[in-house]
Amino acid sequence: MGRMNVSLIGMPSSGKSSIGVILAKMMRFNFIDTDIIIQNNTKRTLQQIVDSKGYLKLRQIEEETILSLNPEHSIISTGGSVVYSKKAMEYLKNVSLVVYIKVSFEEIKKRLGDYSLRGLAKPKDQTIAEMYKERTALYERYADIIFENHFKNATIAAEKLKELIDENI
């Protein structure tokens, strides 16, 4: 089974990175954060990429980054817009168990705060509500597991998610 990896998908601020780091330690897996890889490779923040090259360029870089991964025993935290790339999602489904970390719209809105600085790969005129609705359908389509993250604490969330993963591997 070529799926001894777990990919975390979900909205920005859903907890992919914070839960992912803890989950990786619990499972003794590597932790890969594609947003950090992109920023290291381009020497720019995600927001700088969006500002200078546009959100579609960020999505393209995100796809290329995912397709270049060769993960083994890894937790992969993806950018929120990864689901717009069929190629990237097919690759992740081939090499990993895909977990959608689902958080309510109200909670995402609260966590995002001033999202203008977040480097979101979305059209300027798209509202957070529209982005949430559009992406939720895609996250649910690609997910092997949907994890409802209503936990206030990343450690507790990671423990609950690990139980769910153990049942599905």
C-alpha atoms as a PDB file:
ATOM      1  CA  MET A   1       0.000   0.000   0.000  1.00  0.00           C
ATOM      2  CA  GLY A   2       1.669   3.189  -1.188  1.00  0.00           C
ATOM      3  CA  ARG A   3      -0.271   5.262   1.284  1.00  0.00           C
ATOM      4  CA  MET A   4       1.907   5.394   4.361  1.00  0.00           C
ATOM      5  CA  ASN A   5       1.551   9.153   4.150  1.00  0.00           C
ATOM      6  CA  VAL A   6      -1.252  11.445   5.241  1.00  0.00           C
ATOM      7  CA  SER A   7      -2.145  14.641   3.371  1.00  0.00           C
ATOM      8  CA  LEU A   8      -4.065  17.350   5.177  1.00  0.00           C
ATOM      9  CA  ILE A   9      -6.333  19.548   3.071  1.00  0.00           C
ATOM     10  CA  GLY A  10      -8.648  22.330   4.170  1.00  0.00           C
ATOM     11  CA  MET A  11      -9.228  26.043   4.393  1.00  0.00           C
ATOM     12  CA  PRO A  12      -6.490  28.435   5.457  1.00  0.00           C
ATOM     13  CA  SER A  13      -6.492  28.558   9.294  1.00  0.00           C
ATOM     14  CA  SER A  14      -8.229  25.174   9.601  1.00  0.00           C
ATOM     15  CA  GLY A  15      -5.280  23.802  11.594  1.00  0.00           C
ATOM     16  CA  LYS A  16      -3.433  21.819   8.910  1.00  0.00           C
ATOM     17  CA  SER A  17       0.038  22.938   9.982  1.00  0.00           C
ATOM     18  CA  SER A  18      -0.458  23.106  13.752  1.00  0.00           C
ATOM     19  CA  ILE A  19      -2.258  19.748  13.902  1.00  0.00           C
ATOM     20  CA  GLY A  20       0.089  18.269  11.289  1.00  0.00           C
ATOM     21  CA  VAL A  21       3.273  18.977  13.263  1.00  0.00           C
ATOM     22  CA  ILE A  22       1.848  17.335  16.399  1.00  0.00           C
ATOM     23  CA  LEU A  23       0.375  14.424  14.443  1.00  0.00           C
ATOM     24  CA  ALA A  24       3.742  13.782  12.771  1.00  0.00           C
ATOM     25  CA  LYS A  25       5.449  13.582  16.178  1.00  0.00           C
ATOM     26  CA  MET A  26       2.760  11.234  17.525  1.00  0.00           C
ATOM     27  CA  MET A  27       3.058   8.926  14.516  1.00  0.00           C
ATOM     28  CA  ARG A  28       6.856   9.294  14.221  1.00  0.00           C
ATOM     29  CA  PHE A  29       6.360  10.586  10.678  1.00  0.00           C
ATOM     30  CA  ASN A  30       8.136  13.368   8.802  1.00  0.00           C
ATOM     31  CA  PHE A  31       6.296  16.677   8.492  1.00  0.00           C
ATOM     32  CA  ILE A  32       6.091  18.453   5.140  1.00  0.00           C
ATOM     33  CA  ASP A  33       4.482  21.898   4.840  1.00  0.00           C
ATOM     34  CA  THR A  34       4.097  22.828   1.174  1.00  0.00           C
ATOM     35  CA  ASP A  35       3.588  26.532   1.994  1.00  0.00           C
ATOM     36  CA  ILE A  36       6.998  26.602   3.706  1.00  0.00           C
ATOM     37  CA  ILE A  37       8.632  24.746   0.794  1.00  0.00           C
ATOM     38  CA  ILE A  38       7.153  27.303  -1.637  1.00  0.00           C
ATOM     39  CA  GLN A  39       8.393  30.223   0.467  1.00  0.00           C
ATOM     40  CA  ASN A  40      11.879  28.696   0.795  1.00  0.00           C
ATOM     41  CA  ASN A  41      12.112  27.896  -2.927  1.00  0.00           C
ATOM     42  CA  THR A  42      10.860  31.280  -4.142  1.00  0.00           C
ATOM     43  CA  LYS A  43      12.398  33.373  -1.324  1.00  0.00           C
ATOM     44  CA  ARG A  44       9.021  35.140  -1.112  1.00  0.00           C
ATOM     45  CA  THR A  45       6.005  34.988   1.151  1.00  0.00           C
ATOM     46  CA  LEU A  46       2.802  33.610  -0.332  1.00  0.00           C
ATOM     47  CA  GLN A  47       1.365  37.145  -0.227  1.00  0.00           C
ATOM     48  CA  GLN A  48       4.355  38.513  -2.172  1.00  0.00           C
ATOM     49  CA  ILE A  49       3.782  35.852  -4.855  1.00  0.00           C
ATOM     50  CA  VAL A  50       0.078  36.745  -5.090  1.00  0.00           C
ATOM     51  CA  ASP A  51       0.873  40.488  -5.191  1.00  0.00           C
ATOM     52  CA  SER A  52       3.589  40.252  -7.849  1.00  0.00           C
ATOM     53  CA  LYS A  53       2.526  37.286 -10.007  1.00  0.00           C
ATOM     54  CA  GLY A  54      -1.150  36.740  -9.172  1.00  0.00           C
ATOM     55  CA  TYR A  55      -3.097  33.984  -7.422  1.00  0.00           C
ATOM     56  CA  LEU A  56      -3.013  31.656 -10.445  1.00  0.00           C
ATOM     57  CA  LYS A  57       0.798  31.667 -10.358  1.00  0.00           C
ATOM     58  CA  LEU A  58       0.698  30.672  -6.680  1.00  0.00           C
ATOM     59  CA  ARG A  59      -1.635  27.788  -7.552  1.00  0.00           C
ATOM     60  CA  GLN A  60       0.751  26.695 -10.328  1.00  0.00           C
ATOM     61  CA  ILE A  61       3.755  26.787  -7.972  1.00  0.00           C
ATOM     62  CA  GLU A  62       1.716  24.846  -5.412  1.00  0.00           C
ATOM     63  CA  GLU A  63       0.912  22.148  -7.986  1.00  0.00           C
ATOM     64  CA  GLU A  64       4.557  21.879  -9.090  1.00  0.00           C
ATOM     65  CA  THR A  65       5.680  21.667  -5.455  1.00  0.00           C
ATOM     66  CA  ILE A  66       3.269  18.813  -4.661  1.00  0.00           C
ATOM     67  CA  LEU A  67       4.178  16.893  -7.813  1.00  0.00           C
ATOM     68  CA  SER A  68       7.877  17.173  -6.879  1.00  0.00           C
ATOM     69  CA  LEU A  69       7.343  15.529  -3.470  1.00  0.00           C
ATOM     70  CA  ASN A  70       8.458  11.975  -2.869  1.00  0.00           C
ATOM     71  CA  PRO A  71       7.042  11.476   0.612  1.00  0.00           C
ATOM     72  CA  GLU A  72       7.664   8.467   2.828  1.00  0.00           C
ATOM     73  CA  HIS A  73       6.022   8.149   6.236  1.00  0.00           C
ATOM     74  CA  SER A  74       5.058  11.804   6.083  1.00  0.00           C
ATOM     75  CA  ILE A  75       2.281  14.116   7.147  1.00  0.00           C
ATOM     76  CA  ILE A  76       1.828  16.630   4.323  1.00  0.00           C
ATOM     77  CA  SER A  77       0.223  19.969   5.119  1.00  0.00           C
ATOM     78  CA  THR A  78      -0.991  21.491   1.857  1.00  0.00           C
ATOM     79  CA  GLY A  79      -1.959  24.999   0.832  1.00  0.00           C
ATOM     80  CA  GLY A  80      -5.690  25.685   0.954  1.00  0.00           C
ATOM     81  CA  SER A  81      -5.960  25.992  -2.826  1.00  0.00           C
ATOM     82  CA  VAL A  82      -4.375  22.618  -3.683  1.00  0.00           C
ATOM     83  CA  VAL A  83      -7.841  21.237  -4.507  1.00  0.00           C
ATOM     84  CA  TYR A  84      -7.975  23.389  -7.644  1.00  0.00           C
ATOM     85  CA  SER A  85      -5.297  21.144  -9.157  1.00  0.00           C
ATOM     86  CA  LYS A  86      -6.672  17.818 -10.348  1.00  0.00           C
ATOM     87  CA  LYS A  87      -3.095  16.614 -11.009  1.00  0.00           C
ATOM     88  CA  ALA A  88      -1.895  17.482  -7.511  1.00  0.00           C
ATOM     89  CA  MET A  89      -4.933  15.905  -5.858  1.00  0.00           C
ATOM     90  CA  GLU A  90      -4.657  12.699  -7.905  1.00  0.00           C
ATOM     91  CA  TYR A  91      -0.998  12.506  -6.912  1.00  0.00           C
ATOM     92  CA  LEU A  92      -1.786  13.031  -3.220  1.00  0.00           C
ATOM     93  CA  LYS A  93      -4.544  10.406  -3.357  1.00  0.00           C
ATOM     94  CA  ASN A  94      -2.033   7.970  -4.894  1.00  0.00           C
ATOM     95  CA  VAL A  95       0.646   8.494  -2.265  1.00  0.00           C
ATOM     96  CA  SER A  96      -1.408   9.264   0.837  1.00  0.00           C
ATOM     97  CA  LEU A  97      -4.577   9.090   2.838  1.00  0.00           C
ATOM     98  CA  VAL A  98      -6.240  12.472   2.205  1.00  0.00           C
ATOM     99  CA  VAL A  99      -7.827  14.069   5.268  1.00  0.00           C
ATOM    100  CA  TYR A 100     -10.041  17.138   4.995  1.00  0.00           C
ATOM    101  CA  ILE A 101      -9.785  19.179   8.181  1.00  0.00           C
ATOM    102  CA  LYS A 102     -13.221  20.747   8.253  1.00  0.00           C
ATOM    103  CA  VAL A 103     -13.904  23.856  10.301  1.00  0.00           C
ATOM    104  CA  SER A 104     -17.125  25.899  10.323  1.00  0.00           C
ATOM    105  CA  PHE A 105     -17.280  29.051   8.214  1.00  0.00           C
ATOM    106  CA  GLU A 106     -17.795  31.187  11.324  1.00  0.00           C
ATOM    107  CA  GLU A 107     -14.643  29.765  12.914  1.00  0.00           C
ATOM    108  CA  ILE A 108     -12.573  30.187   9.722  1.00  0.00           C
ATOM    109  CA  LYS A 109     -13.708  33.800   9.419  1.00  0.00           C
ATOM    110  CA  LYS A 110     -12.721  34.434  13.044  1.00  0.00           C
ATOM    111  CA  ARG A 111      -9.324  32.715  12.668  1.00  0.00           C
ATOM    112  CA  LEU A 112      -8.432  34.390   9.368  1.00  0.00           C
ATOM    113  CA  GLY A 113      -8.874  37.894  10.764  1.00  0.00           C
ATOM    114  CA  ASP A 114      -7.279  40.271   8.269  1.00  0.00           C
ATOM    115  CA  TYR A 115      -6.964  37.787   5.447  1.00  0.00           C
ATOM    116  CA  SER A 116      -5.595  40.452   3.100  1.00  0.00           C
ATOM    117  CA  LEU A 117      -2.126  39.536   4.385  1.00  0.00           C
ATOM    118  CA  ARG A 118      -2.582  35.767   4.241  1.00  0.00           C
ATOM    119  CA  GLY A 119      -1.456  35.094   0.667  1.00  0.00           C
ATOM    120  CA  LEU A 120      -4.745  33.473  -0.318  1.00  0.00           C
ATOM    121  CA  ALA A 121      -4.788  32.026  -3.831  1.00  0.00           C
ATOM    122  CA  LYS A 122      -8.158  33.480  -4.782  1.00  0.00           C
ATOM    123  CA  PRO A 123      -9.529  36.159  -7.107  1.00  0.00           C
ATOM    124  CA  LYS A 124      -9.508  39.613  -5.471  1.00  0.00           C
ATOM    125  CA  ASP A 125     -13.273  39.982  -5.783  1.00  0.00           C
ATOM    126  CA  GLN A 126     -14.082  36.580  -4.257  1.00  0.00           C
ATOM    127  CA  THR A 127     -15.384  36.832  -0.688  1.00  0.00           C
ATOM    128  CA  ILE A 128     -14.271  34.458   2.051  1.00  0.00           C
ATOM    129  CA  ALA A 129     -17.835  33.065   2.125  1.00  0.00           C
ATOM    130  CA  GLU A 130     -17.701  32.324  -1.622  1.00  0.00           C
ATOM    131  CA  MET A 131     -14.240  30.796  -1.301  1.00  0.00           C
ATOM    132  CA  TYR A 132     -15.392  28.631   1.622  1.00  0.00           C
ATOM    133  CA  LYS A 133     -18.417  27.340  -0.287  1.00  0.00           C
ATOM    134  CA  GLU A 134     -16.466  26.668  -3.493  1.00  0.00           C
ATOM    135  CA  ARG A 135     -13.569  24.933  -1.765  1.00  0.00           C
ATOM    136  CA  THR A 136     -15.688  22.888   0.662  1.00  0.00           C
ATOM    137  CA  ALA A 137     -17.236  20.994  -2.253  1.00  0.00           C
ATOM    138  CA  LEU A 138     -13.755  20.235  -3.624  1.00  0.00           C
ATOM    139  CA  TYR A 139     -12.323  19.230  -0.241  1.00  0.00           C
ATOM    140  CA  GLU A 140     -15.222  16.835   0.300  1.00  0.00           C
ATOM    141  CA  ARG A 141     -14.835  15.372  -3.195  1.00  0.00           C
ATOM    142  CA  TYR A 142     -11.156  14.504  -2.735  1.00  0.00           C
ATOM    143  CA  ALA A 143     -11.110  13.526   0.957  1.00  0.00           C
ATOM    144  CA  ASP A 144     -10.720   9.925   2.084  1.00  0.00           C
ATOM    145  CA  ILE A 145     -11.622  11.103   5.596  1.00  0.00           C
ATOM    146  CA  ILE A 146     -13.456  14.224   6.756  1.00  0.00           C
ATOM    147  CA  PHE A 147     -12.248  15.332  10.187  1.00  0.00           C
ATOM    148  CA  GLU A 148     -14.505  17.852  11.926  1.00  0.00           C
ATOM    149  CA  ASN A 149     -12.064  20.086  13.779  1.00  0.00           C
ATOM    150  CA  HIS A 150     -14.130  21.792  16.444  1.00  0.00           C
ATOM    151  CA  PHE A 151     -11.336  21.423  18.993  1.00  0.00           C
ATOM    152  CA  LYS A 152      -9.769  24.555  20.487  1.00  0.00           C
ATOM    153  CA  ASN A 153      -6.501  22.749  21.170  1.00  0.00           C
ATOM    154  CA  ALA A 154      -4.262  21.389  18.388  1.00  0.00           C
ATOM    155  CA  THR A 155      -2.919  18.553  20.563  1.00  0.00           C
ATOM    156  CA  ILE A 156      -6.398  17.223  21.334  1.00  0.00           C
ATOM    157  CA  ALA A 157      -7.348  17.593  17.661  1.00  0.00           C
ATOM    158  CA  ALA A 158      -4.209  15.668  16.630  1.00  0.00           C
ATOM    159  CA  GLU A 159      -5.000  12.862  19.108  1.00  0.00           C
ATOM    160  CA  LYS A 160      -8.561  12.542  17.762  1.00  0.00           C
ATOM    161  CA  LEU A 161      -7.341  12.649  14.171  1.00  0.00           C
ATOM    162  CA  LYS A 162      -4.728   9.965  14.875  1.00  0.00           C
ATOM    163  CA  GLU A 163      -7.493   7.659  16.161  1.00  0.00           C
ATOM    164  CA  LEU A 164      -9.435   8.253  12.938  1.00  0.00           C
ATOM    165  CA  ILE A 165      -6.358   7.617  10.773  1.00  0.00           C
ATOM    166  CA  ASP A 166      -5.508   4.416  12.677  1.00  0.00           C
ATOM    167  CA  GLU A 167      -9.007   3.129  11.879  1.00  0.00           C
ATOM    168  CA  ASN A 168      -8.526   3.874   8.168  1.00  0.00           C
ATOM    169  CA  ILE A 169      -4.970   2.715   7.426  1.00  0.00           C
END
